[in-house]
Amino acid sequence: MATLNLTLKVWRQENAQAQGRIETYQAKNIPDEASFLEMLDIVNEELVHEGKEPIHFDHDCREGICGMCSLTINGVPHGGKKVTTCQLHMRQFKDGDTIWIEPFRAKAFPLLRDLIVDRSALDKIIAAGGFVDIRTGSAPNANNMPVRKKTADAAFDAAACIGCGACVASCKNSSAMLFTSAKAAHLNLLPQGYPEKNKRVLAMVRQMDALGFGNCTNQYECEAACPKGVSVDNIAKLNRDYMIACASEAIGVFS
């Protein structure tokens, strides 16, 4: 097993009001099999041993499922394509590399400390979408409510979004359109979610705007940064659904 000696340039900030800064740390004898978060754990153990304040960062599952590990590595959210920070391994780097580590940057993601940001704005967008009125009960027979395979696959792909916020961090406008469109699509595409489709789209888009996310300018950084490969096709669908919902609201089709 090979080991690496690295130089880390890490954003440090005690709280939202404090002045942030870049500090330099040496990461020595890091196993190339370690994940990026395990590397930070090793560095933090050394800092604690020296009586210094460890680097604060978000994490939870460390399995690429929860989306908590919101780090920008060398200018790229999560540090690679179709990968979360916890799934990024040190074998992707070379001995002697300098690695820049910063938090996700977005107006709607206020910084809390060091590399930790508040991404609860994404939860508010989901909450604005409401719920499904149709009683689903226990698991139905697979043939009770026919859904075309193409539609089911599209809904499943949209539902793969883990809400990490990489799409927002990668966008020059800090747009949440990919996230919002994915969360709307995985319900709107299916029969169970169709009755609330118009209300859901209007509520989620308006909440997104109210929270300070920027507009989409179709440059596709979001799709490239998404660890689950959520397609920008969902944004096109959201735009169409939003136009239909606005027209329906204007003529009083739904209240």
Protein backbone atom coordinates (compact mmCIF):
# COMPACT_ATOMS: atom_id res chain seq x y z
CA MET A 1 0.00 0.00 0.00
CA ALA A 2 1.44 3.33 -1.09
CA THR A 3 1.32 6.45 1.05
CA LEU A 4 1.09 10.12 0.11
CA ASN A 5 2.44 13.33 1.56
CA LEU A 6 0.20 16.23 0.66
CA THR A 7 -0.21 19.94 1.29
CA LEU A 8 -3.74 21.03 2.18
CA LYS A 9 -5.03 24.57 1.70
CA VAL A 10 -8.16 24.60 3.87
CA TRP A 11 -10.80 27.28 4.39
CA ARG A 12 -11.13 28.07 8.11
CA GLN A 13 -13.85 30.28 9.59
CA GLU A 14 -14.99 30.17 13.21
CA ASN A 15 -18.57 31.27 12.46
CA ALA A 16 -20.70 33.08 9.91
CA GLN A 17 -19.64 36.51 11.20
CA ALA A 18 -15.90 35.80 11.42
CA GLN A 19 -13.39 36.62 8.70
CA GLY A 20 -12.54 33.50 6.73
CA ARG A 21 -9.04 32.52 5.66
CA ILE A 22 -7.02 29.79 3.99
CA GLU A 23 -4.71 27.82 6.30
CA THR A 24 -2.02 25.36 5.26
CA TYR A 25 -1.67 21.87 6.70
CA GLN A 26 0.61 18.96 5.94
CA ALA A 27 -1.07 15.59 5.44
CA LYS A 28 1.65 12.99 5.92
CA ASN A 29 1.70 9.26 5.30
CA ILE A 30 -1.83 9.12 3.94
CA PRO A 31 -2.75 5.66 2.60
CA ASP A 32 -3.75 5.85 -1.04
CA GLU A 33 -6.65 3.51 -0.21
CA ALA A 34 -8.13 6.05 2.22
CA SER A 35 -11.18 8.09 1.25
CA PHE A 36 -10.98 11.87 1.24
CA LEU A 37 -12.87 12.09 4.52
CA GLU A 38 -10.61 9.47 6.10
CA MET A 39 -7.66 11.63 5.06
CA LEU A 40 -9.24 14.58 6.86
CA ASP A 41 -9.80 12.35 9.91
CA ILE A 42 -6.08 11.53 9.96
CA VAL A 43 -5.18 15.21 9.71
CA ASN A 44 -7.65 16.07 12.48
CA GLU A 45 -6.24 13.40 14.78
CA GLU A 46 -2.83 15.02 14.42
CA LEU A 47 -4.28 18.49 15.06
CA VAL A 48 -6.05 17.30 18.21
CA HIS A 49 -2.83 15.60 19.36
CA GLU A 50 -1.06 18.95 18.95
CA GLY A 51 -3.80 20.72 20.93
CA LYS A 52 -5.15 22.56 17.89
CA GLU A 53 -8.71 23.01 16.66
CA PRO A 54 -9.66 20.28 14.16
CA ILE A 55 -11.09 21.05 10.73
CA HIS A 56 -14.89 21.03 10.86
CA PHE A 57 -16.70 19.34 7.98
CA ASP A 58 -20.07 17.67 7.35
CA HIS A 59 -20.49 13.93 6.87
CA ASP A 60 -22.83 11.12 7.82
CA CYS A 61 -23.25 7.88 5.88
CA ARG A 62 -19.89 7.87 4.08
CA GLU A 63 -21.51 5.63 1.49
CA GLY A 64 -22.50 8.20 -1.13
CA ILE A 65 -26.14 8.18 -0.10
CA CYS A 66 -26.85 11.08 2.28
CA GLY A 67 -25.20 13.98 0.41
CA MET A 68 -23.82 15.57 3.57
CA CYS A 69 -20.15 15.70 2.52
CA SER A 70 -20.37 19.09 0.84
CA LEU A 71 -16.75 20.00 0.05
CA THR A 72 -15.33 21.85 -2.93
CA ILE A 73 -12.01 20.22 -3.79
CA ASN A 74 -9.65 22.01 -6.17
CA GLY A 75 -12.60 24.10 -7.34
CA VAL A 76 -14.87 21.14 -8.08
CA PRO A 77 -17.85 20.15 -5.86
CA HIS A 78 -17.01 16.72 -4.37
CA GLY A 79 -13.75 16.76 -6.32
CA GLY A 80 -14.74 14.58 -9.28
CA LYS A 81 -17.41 13.37 -11.69
CA LYS A 82 -20.31 11.24 -10.44
CA VAL A 83 -18.77 10.87 -6.99
CA THR A 84 -19.45 12.22 -3.51
CA THR A 85 -16.59 13.47 -1.34
CA CYS A 86 -16.79 10.37 0.85
CA GLN A 87 -16.37 8.17 -2.23
CA LEU A 88 -13.37 10.10 -3.54
CA HIS A 89 -10.21 8.11 -2.78
CA MET A 90 -6.71 9.42 -2.29
CA ARG A 91 -5.38 7.28 -5.13
CA GLN A 92 -6.81 10.02 -7.37
CA PHE A 93 -4.01 12.30 -6.14
CA LYS A 94 -0.23 12.17 -6.47
CA ASP A 95 2.44 12.36 -3.82
CA GLY A 96 3.38 16.00 -3.23
CA ASP A 97 0.07 17.42 -4.54
CA THR A 98 -1.43 20.58 -3.11
CA ILE A 99 -5.17 20.26 -2.52
CA TRP A 100 -7.50 23.24 -2.02
CA ILE A 101 -10.52 22.49 0.17
CA GLU A 102 -13.40 24.96 0.52
CA PRO A 103 -17.11 24.84 1.44
CA PHE A 104 -19.92 24.96 -1.11
CA ARG A 105 -20.42 28.58 -2.13
CA ALA A 106 -23.97 29.88 -2.59
CA LYS A 107 -26.06 32.69 -1.15
CA ALA A 108 -28.73 30.21 -0.12
CA PHE A 109 -26.11 28.05 1.68
CA PRO A 110 -24.91 30.28 4.55
CA LEU A 111 -21.63 29.15 6.04
CA LEU A 112 -21.77 27.87 9.62
CA ARG A 113 -18.15 26.98 10.34
CA ASP A 114 -15.06 26.04 8.34
CA LEU A 115 -16.35 23.67 5.62
CA ILE A 116 -19.91 23.35 6.94
CA VAL A 117 -22.79 25.18 5.26
CA ASP A 118 -26.51 25.25 6.02
CA ARG A 119 -28.27 23.47 3.15
CA SER A 120 -31.71 23.45 4.77
CA ALA A 121 -32.97 25.64 1.91
CA LEU A 122 -33.19 22.45 -0.15
CA ASP A 123 -35.43 20.88 2.50
CA LYS A 124 -37.73 23.90 2.30
CA ILE A 125 -38.11 23.41 -1.45
CA ILE A 126 -39.10 19.78 -0.88
CA ALA A 127 -41.55 20.79 1.87
CA ALA A 128 -43.15 23.32 -0.47
CA GLY A 129 -43.97 20.46 -2.83
CA GLY A 130 -46.50 19.09 -0.38
CA PHE A 131 -47.61 15.49 -0.40
CA VAL A 132 -49.42 12.92 -2.51
CA ASP A 133 -53.21 12.86 -1.93
CA ILE A 134 -53.80 9.39 -3.31
CA ARG A 135 -53.92 6.74 -0.62
CA THR A 136 -51.16 4.29 -1.46
CA GLY A 137 -51.76 1.93 1.46
CA SER A 138 -49.70 -1.23 1.46
CA ALA A 139 -47.57 -2.31 -1.47
CA PRO A 140 -49.92 -2.66 -4.46
CA ASN A 141 -49.86 -5.37 -7.08
CA ALA A 142 -47.36 -4.38 -9.75
CA ASN A 143 -50.04 -4.43 -12.47
CA ASN A 144 -52.71 -2.44 -10.62
CA MET A 145 -51.50 0.93 -11.91
CA PRO A 146 -49.70 0.52 -15.24
CA VAL A 147 -46.76 2.86 -15.85
CA ARG A 148 -44.72 2.84 -19.04
CA LYS A 149 -41.20 1.59 -18.47
CA LYS A 150 -39.71 4.73 -20.01
CA THR A 151 -41.70 6.87 -17.59
CA ALA A 152 -40.89 4.68 -14.60
CA ASP A 153 -37.19 4.78 -15.46
CA ALA A 154 -37.26 8.58 -15.77
CA ALA A 155 -38.97 8.90 -12.38
CA PHE A 156 -36.47 6.51 -10.81
CA ASP A 157 -33.50 8.42 -12.27
CA ALA A 158 -34.88 11.71 -10.94
CA ALA A 159 -35.46 10.16 -7.52
CA ALA A 160 -31.75 9.25 -7.38
CA CYS A 161 -31.00 12.88 -6.40
CA ILE A 162 -29.54 12.87 -2.87
CA GLY A 163 -29.91 16.61 -2.29
CA CYS A 164 -26.20 17.24 -1.75
CA GLY A 165 -26.26 20.68 -3.38
CA ALA A 166 -23.34 20.07 -5.75
CA CYS A 167 -25.50 21.37 -8.61
CA VAL A 168 -25.95 24.65 -6.75
CA ALA A 169 -22.26 24.94 -5.86
CA SER A 170 -21.15 24.28 -9.44
CA CYS A 171 -23.49 26.84 -11.02
CA LYS A 172 -22.20 30.38 -11.53
CA ASN A 173 -25.72 31.60 -10.66
CA SER A 174 -26.13 29.23 -7.68
CA SER A 175 -29.24 27.84 -9.33
CA ALA A 176 -31.18 24.99 -7.73
CA MET A 177 -33.06 24.12 -10.90
CA LEU A 178 -31.56 20.64 -11.27
CA PHE A 179 -32.41 19.74 -7.68
CA THR A 180 -35.90 21.23 -7.84
CA SER A 181 -36.68 19.66 -11.20
CA ALA A 182 -35.54 16.23 -10.00
CA LYS A 183 -37.64 16.40 -6.85
CA ALA A 184 -40.68 17.55 -8.83
CA ALA A 185 -40.20 15.06 -11.67
CA HIS A 186 -39.99 11.89 -9.61
CA LEU A 187 -43.52 12.64 -8.31
CA ASN A 188 -45.05 14.37 -11.32
CA LEU A 189 -44.14 11.60 -13.72
CA LEU A 190 -46.08 8.97 -11.80
CA PRO A 191 -49.89 8.58 -11.60
CA GLN A 192 -49.86 8.95 -7.80
CA GLY A 193 -48.33 12.42 -7.99
CA TYR A 194 -50.19 13.74 -11.02
CA PRO A 195 -53.26 15.29 -9.27
CA GLU A 196 -51.08 17.86 -7.42
CA LYS A 197 -48.69 18.40 -10.33
CA ASN A 198 -49.54 22.04 -11.08
CA LYS A 199 -49.70 23.11 -7.45
CA ARG A 200 -46.46 21.29 -6.68
CA VAL A 201 -44.52 22.89 -9.52
CA LEU A 202 -45.67 26.42 -8.70
CA ALA A 203 -44.98 26.04 -4.99
CA MET A 204 -41.52 24.54 -5.41
CA VAL A 205 -40.33 27.02 -8.04
CA ARG A 206 -41.62 30.01 -6.07
CA GLN A 207 -40.02 28.74 -2.88
CA MET A 208 -36.76 28.24 -4.74
CA ASP A 209 -36.84 31.84 -5.95
CA ALA A 210 -37.78 33.18 -2.52
CA LEU A 211 -34.80 31.42 -0.92
CA GLY A 212 -32.34 33.32 -3.12
CA PHE A 213 -31.23 30.69 -5.62
CA GLY A 214 -30.21 32.06 -9.01
CA ASN A 215 -31.59 31.40 -12.47
CA CYS A 216 -30.56 28.60 -14.81
CA THR A 217 -28.61 29.65 -17.91
CA ASN A 218 -28.30 26.14 -19.41
CA GLN A 219 -24.54 25.67 -19.15
CA TYR A 220 -24.88 22.17 -17.66
CA GLU A 221 -22.28 22.46 -14.88
CA CYS A 222 -24.97 21.04 -12.60
CA GLU A 223 -25.30 17.78 -14.51
CA ALA A 224 -21.51 17.43 -14.68
CA ALA A 225 -21.16 17.92 -10.92
CA CYS A 226 -24.10 15.75 -9.87
CA PRO A 227 -22.77 12.60 -8.14
CA LYS A 228 -25.83 10.65 -9.28
CA GLY A 229 -25.84 11.87 -12.87
CA VAL A 230 -29.28 13.50 -12.73
CA SER A 231 -30.07 14.76 -16.22
CA VAL A 232 -30.78 18.37 -17.21
CA ASP A 233 -33.72 16.95 -19.16
CA ASN A 234 -35.58 17.35 -15.86
CA ILE A 235 -35.01 21.12 -16.02
CA ALA A 236 -36.62 21.28 -19.46
CA LYS A 237 -39.59 19.32 -18.11
CA LEU A 238 -39.87 21.61 -15.08
CA ASN A 239 -39.92 24.68 -17.33
CA ARG A 240 -42.72 23.17 -19.44
CA ASP A 241 -44.68 22.12 -16.36
CA TYR A 242 -44.24 25.58 -14.82
CA MET A 243 -45.61 27.31 -17.93
CA ILE A 244 -48.63 25.00 -17.97
CA ALA A 245 -49.20 25.50 -14.24
CA CYS A 246 -49.03 29.29 -14.57
CA ALA A 247 -51.56 29.20 -17.41
CA SER A 248 -53.85 26.91 -15.40
CA GLU A 249 -53.63 29.20 -12.38
CA ALA A 250 -54.40 32.26 -14.53
CA ILE A 251 -57.66 30.78 -15.81
CA GLY A 252 -58.60 29.33 -12.44
CA VAL A 253 -58.36 25.65 -13.34
CA PHE A 254 -57.13 24.91 -9.82
CA SER A 255 -57.22 26.89 -6.59
